[in-house]
Structures are given as structure tokens and as C-alpha cells.
Amino acid sequence: MVGEINWPGGGPQNGADSAFSTMMRFDDSGLWRLDAFIDERPVGSITVEAK
């Protein structure tokens, strides 16, 4: 599932300037790399394990 978020976010949370509530569903288990973009520019990535 892919979503697009409109700025501004939901306010400060856990030391971040802004945060967004999200829900993700992965159709297959395994390791997934999630890439984050702002204005089509890559800003980082994380790896998650779906069981």
C-alpha cells in the first residue's frame, strides 16, 4: 500500500518536529526496505521485518 501525505503533519512526537499516523500492510513476509521522499527527493530509508 502506498500513501501520500500533505504537509503540515500532526505536530511534535518523540522528539520529531512533526509526525503522521500511518498503517502499513505487507502481502508477503520478509524484509522490506521503505524509502522516504520529500518533493521527489530521497531523504532516508528503514528496513522492517514483516512476519
PDB file of N, CA and C in Angstrom:
ATOM      1  N   MET A   1       0.854  -1.176   0.000  1.00  0.00           N
ATOM      2  CA  MET A   1       0.000   0.000   0.000  1.00  0.00           C
ATOM      3  C   MET A   1       0.894   1.230   0.000  1.00  0.00           C
ATOM      4  N   VAL A   2       0.534   2.218  -0.752  1.00  0.00           N
ATOM      5  CA  VAL A   2       1.320   3.447  -0.849  1.00  0.00           C
ATOM      6  C   VAL A   2       0.414   4.618  -0.548  1.00  0.00           C
ATOM      7  N   GLY A   3       0.920   5.581   0.204  1.00  0.00           N
ATOM      8  CA  GLY A   3       0.121   6.755   0.529  1.00  0.00           C
ATOM      9  C   GLY A   3       0.894   8.032   0.325  1.00  0.00           C
ATOM     10  N   GLU A   4       0.160   9.094   0.177  1.00  0.00           N
ATOM     11  CA  GLU A   4       0.750  10.411   0.024  1.00  0.00           C
ATOM     12  C   GLU A   4       0.252  11.274   1.174  1.00  0.00           C
ATOM     13  N   ILE A   5       1.163  12.021   1.801  1.00  0.00           N
ATOM     14  CA  ILE A   5       0.825  12.810   2.980  1.00  0.00           C
ATOM     15  C   ILE A   5       0.959  14.286   2.650  1.00  0.00           C
ATOM     16  N   ASN A   6      -0.017  15.065   3.089  1.00  0.00           N
ATOM     17  CA  ASN A   6       0.036  16.509   2.896  1.00  0.00           C
ATOM     18  C   ASN A   6       0.614  17.176   4.131  1.00  0.00           C
ATOM     19  N   TRP A   7       1.487  18.131   3.931  1.00  0.00           N
ATOM     20  CA  TRP A   7       2.131  18.888   4.999  1.00  0.00           C
ATOM     21  C   TRP A   7       1.202  19.990   5.450  1.00  0.00           C
ATOM     22  N   PRO A   8       1.105  20.457   6.656  1.00  0.00           N
ATOM     23  CA  PRO A   8       1.927  20.056   7.799  1.00  0.00           C
ATOM     24  C   PRO A   8       1.393  18.794   8.462  1.00  0.00           C
ATOM     25  N   GLY A   9       2.239  18.217   9.289  1.00  0.00           N
ATOM     26  CA  GLY A   9       1.900  16.966   9.961  1.00  0.00           C
ATOM     27  C   GLY A   9       1.051  17.190  11.199  1.00  0.00           C
ATOM     28  N   GLY A  10       1.052  16.177  12.047  1.00  0.00           N
ATOM     29  CA  GLY A  10       0.211  16.190  13.230  1.00  0.00           C
ATOM     30  C   GLY A  10       0.852  16.786  14.465  1.00  0.00           C
ATOM     31  N   GLY A  11       2.001  17.425  14.350  1.00  0.00           N
ATOM     32  CA  GLY A  11       2.648  18.047  15.492  1.00  0.00           C
ATOM     33  C   GLY A  11       3.795  17.205  16.033  1.00  0.00           C
ATOM     34  N   PRO A  12       4.521  17.734  17.018  1.00  0.00           N
ATOM     35  CA  PRO A  12       5.697  17.060  17.568  1.00  0.00           C
ATOM     36  C   PRO A  12       5.352  15.721  18.224  1.00  0.00           C
ATOM     37  N   GLN A  13       6.290  14.773  18.098  1.00  0.00           N
ATOM     38  CA  GLN A  13       6.112  13.475  18.741  1.00  0.00           C
ATOM     39  C   GLN A  13       7.463  12.790  18.859  1.00  0.00           C
ATOM     40  N   ASN A  14       7.778  12.271  20.026  1.00  0.00           N
ATOM     41  CA  ASN A  14       9.022  11.521  20.275  1.00  0.00           C
ATOM     42  C   ASN A  14      10.270  12.258  19.802  1.00  0.00           C
ATOM     43  N   GLY A  15      10.322  13.566  20.016  1.00  0.00           N
ATOM     44  CA  GLY A  15      11.494  14.350  19.642  1.00  0.00           C
ATOM     45  C   GLY A  15      11.508  14.839  18.203  1.00  0.00           C
ATOM     46  N   ALA A  16      10.564  14.397  17.383  1.00  0.00           N
ATOM     47  CA  ALA A  16      10.491  14.863  15.995  1.00  0.00           C
ATOM     48  C   ALA A  16       9.695  16.158  15.929  1.00  0.00           C
ATOM     49  N   ASP A  17       9.954  16.976  14.922  1.00  0.00           N
ATOM     50  CA  ASP A  17       9.213  18.225  14.745  1.00  0.00           C
ATOM     51  C   ASP A  17       7.755  17.975  14.387  1.00  0.00           C
ATOM     52  N   SER A  18       7.504  16.904  13.663  1.00  0.00           N
ATOM     53  CA  SER A  18       6.160  16.592  13.212  1.00  0.00           C
ATOM     54  C   SER A  18       6.039  15.091  13.025  1.00  0.00           C
ATOM     55  N   ALA A  19       4.824  14.577  13.113  1.00  0.00           N
ATOM     56  CA  ALA A  19       4.612  13.136  12.953  1.00  0.00           C
ATOM     57  C   ALA A  19       3.291  12.885  12.238  1.00  0.00           C
ATOM     58  N   PHE A  20       3.202  11.738  11.572  1.00  0.00           N
ATOM     59  CA  PHE A  20       1.991  11.334  10.871  1.00  0.00           C
ATOM     60  C   PHE A  20       1.622   9.929  11.310  1.00  0.00           C
ATOM     61  N   SER A  21       0.363   9.691  11.567  1.00  0.00           N
ATOM     62  CA  SER A  21      -0.097   8.336  11.851  1.00  0.00           C
ATOM     63  C   SER A  21      -0.137   7.558  10.545  1.00  0.00           C
ATOM     64  N   THR A  22       0.349   6.336  10.577  1.00  0.00           N
ATOM     65  CA  THR A  22       0.348   5.509   9.375  1.00  0.00           C
ATOM     66  C   THR A  22      -0.029   4.077   9.717  1.00  0.00           C
ATOM     67  N   MET A  23      -0.524   3.378   8.734  1.00  0.00           N
ATOM     68  CA  MET A  23      -0.784   1.959   8.858  1.00  0.00           C
ATOM     69  C   MET A  23      -0.264   1.308   7.581  1.00  0.00           C
ATOM     70  N   MET A  24       0.455   0.205   7.723  1.00  0.00           N
ATOM     71  CA  MET A  24       1.013  -0.475   6.567  1.00  0.00           C
ATOM     72  C   MET A  24       0.583  -1.924   6.560  1.00  0.00           C
ATOM     73  N   ARG A  25       0.434  -2.462   5.373  1.00  0.00           N
ATOM     74  CA  ARG A  25       0.128  -3.877   5.211  1.00  0.00           C
ATOM     75  C   ARG A  25       1.070  -4.435   4.158  1.00  0.00           C
ATOM     76  N   PHE A  26       1.701  -5.544   4.488  1.00  0.00           N
ATOM     77  CA  PHE A  26       2.596  -6.218   3.558  1.00  0.00           C
ATOM     78  C   PHE A  26       1.956  -7.539   3.176  1.00  0.00           C
ATOM     79  N   ASP A  27       1.844  -7.811   1.889  1.00  0.00           N
ATOM     80  CA  ASP A  27       1.213  -9.041   1.418  1.00  0.00           C
ATOM     81  C   ASP A  27       2.090 -10.271   1.619  1.00  0.00           C
ATOM     82  N   ASP A  28       3.394 -10.081   1.744  1.00  0.00           N
ATOM     83  CA  ASP A  28       4.327 -11.191   1.928  1.00  0.00           C
ATOM     84  C   ASP A  28       5.206 -10.923   3.136  1.00  0.00           C
ATOM     85  N   SER A  29       5.573 -11.994   3.861  1.00  0.00           N
ATOM     86  CA  SER A  29       6.503 -11.848   4.966  1.00  0.00           C
ATOM     87  C   SER A  29       7.917 -11.697   4.426  1.00  0.00           C
ATOM     88  N   GLY A  30       8.811 -11.164   5.269  1.00  0.00           N
ATOM     89  CA  GLY A  30      10.201 -10.988   4.879  1.00  0.00           C
ATOM     90  C   GLY A  30      10.699  -9.602   5.219  1.00  0.00           C
ATOM     91  N   LEU A  31      11.886  -9.274   4.758  1.00  0.00           N
ATOM     92  CA  LEU A  31      12.469  -7.955   4.979  1.00  0.00           C
ATOM     93  C   LEU A  31      12.062  -7.019   3.853  1.00  0.00           C
ATOM     94  N   TRP A  32      11.641  -5.828   4.237  1.00  0.00           N
ATOM     95  CA  TRP A  32      11.229  -4.815   3.271  1.00  0.00           C
ATOM     96  C   TRP A  32      11.996  -3.526   3.559  1.00  0.00           C
ATOM     97  N   ARG A  33      12.500  -2.877   2.516  1.00  0.00           N
ATOM     98  CA  ARG A  33      13.118  -1.566   2.673  1.00  0.00           C
ATOM     99  C   ARG A  33      12.096  -0.523   2.263  1.00  0.00           C
ATOM    100  N   LEU A  34      11.877   0.446   3.148  1.00  0.00           N
ATOM    101  CA  LEU A  34      10.938   1.537   2.883  1.00  0.00           C
ATOM    102  C   LEU A  34      11.737   2.808   2.654  1.00  0.00           C
ATOM    103  N   ASP A  35      11.560   3.426   1.493  1.00  0.00           N
ATOM    104  CA  ASP A  35      12.265   4.655   1.142  1.00  0.00           C
ATOM    105  C   ASP A  35      11.333   5.845   1.346  1.00  0.00           C
ATOM    106  N   ALA A  36      11.859   6.900   1.961  1.00  0.00           N
ATOM    107  CA  ALA A  36      11.075   8.117   2.200  1.00  0.00           C
ATOM    108  C   ALA A  36      11.534   9.217   1.252  1.00  0.00           C
ATOM    109  N   PHE A  37      10.565   9.948   0.699  1.00  0.00           N
ATOM    110  CA  PHE A  37      10.847  11.040  -0.233  1.00  0.00           C
ATOM    111  C   PHE A  37      10.082  12.284   0.194  1.00  0.00           C
ATOM    112  N   ILE A  38      10.682  13.440   0.009  1.00  0.00           N
ATOM    113  CA  ILE A  38      10.011  14.727   0.178  1.00  0.00           C
ATOM    114  C   ILE A  38      10.231  15.498  -1.109  1.00  0.00           C
ATOM    115  N   ASP A  39       9.137  15.908  -1.741  1.00  0.00           N
ATOM    116  CA  ASP A  39       9.220  16.606  -3.029  1.00  0.00           C
ATOM    117  C   ASP A  39      10.082  15.824  -4.022  1.00  0.00           C
ATOM    118  N   GLU A  40       9.879  14.518  -4.082  1.00  0.00           N
ATOM    119  CA  GLU A  40      10.565  13.611  -5.008  1.00  0.00           C
ATOM    120  C   GLU A  40      12.058  13.470  -4.734  1.00  0.00           C
ATOM    121  N   ARG A  41      12.534  13.982  -3.586  1.00  0.00           N
ATOM    122  CA  ARG A  41      13.944  13.830  -3.204  1.00  0.00           C
ATOM    123  C   ARG A  41      14.037  12.781  -2.110  1.00  0.00           C
ATOM    124  N   PRO A  42      14.948  11.800  -2.237  1.00  0.00           N
ATOM    125  CA  PRO A  42      15.095  10.789  -1.188  1.00  0.00           C
ATOM    126  C   PRO A  42      15.653  11.407   0.089  1.00  0.00           C
ATOM    127  N   VAL A  43      15.049  11.079   1.224  1.00  0.00           N
ATOM    128  CA  VAL A  43      15.509  11.635   2.498  1.00  0.00           C
ATOM    129  C   VAL A  43      15.916  10.548   3.490  1.00  0.00           C
ATOM    130  N   GLY A  44      15.681   9.281   3.165  1.00  0.00           N
ATOM    131  CA  GLY A  44      16.113   8.216   4.066  1.00  0.00           C
ATOM    132  C   GLY A  44      15.350   6.934   3.794  1.00  0.00           C
ATOM    133  N   SER A  45      15.733   5.900   4.513  1.00  0.00           N
ATOM    134  CA  SER A  45      15.048   4.620   4.380  1.00  0.00           C
ATOM    135  C   SER A  45      15.159   3.849   5.688  1.00  0.00           C
ATOM    136  N   ILE A  46      14.261   2.900   5.872  1.00  0.00           N
ATOM    137  CA  ILE A  46      14.313   1.989   7.001  1.00  0.00           C
ATOM    138  C   ILE A  46      14.019   0.584   6.469  1.00  0.00           C
ATOM    139  N   THR A  47      14.435  -0.413   7.219  1.00  0.00           N
ATOM    140  CA  THR A  47      14.130  -1.792   6.885  1.00  0.00           C
ATOM    141  C   THR A  47      13.235  -2.354   7.978  1.00  0.00           C
ATOM    142  N   VAL A  48      12.160  -3.018   7.580  1.00  0.00           N
ATOM    143  CA  VAL A  48      11.239  -3.628   8.544  1.00  0.00           C
ATOM    144  C   VAL A  48      11.096  -5.109   8.219  1.00  0.00           C
ATOM    145  N   GLU A  49      10.787  -5.891   9.247  1.00  0.00           N
ATOM    146  CA  GLU A  49      10.536  -7.321   9.043  1.00  0.00           C
ATOM    147  C   GLU A  49       9.048  -7.581   9.197  1.00  0.00           C
ATOM    148  N   ALA A  50       8.429  -8.077   8.164  1.00  0.00           N
ATOM    149  CA  ALA A  50       7.018  -8.452   8.196  1.00  0.00           C
ATOM    150  C   ALA A  50       6.939  -9.948   8.451  1.00  0.00           C
ATOM    151  N   LYS A  51       6.154 -10.322   9.456  1.00  0.00           N
ATOM    152  CA  LYS A  51       6.017 -11.740   9.810  1.00  0.00           C
ATOM    153  C   LYS A  51       4.683 -12.272   9.379  1.00  0.00           C
TER     154      LYS A  51
END
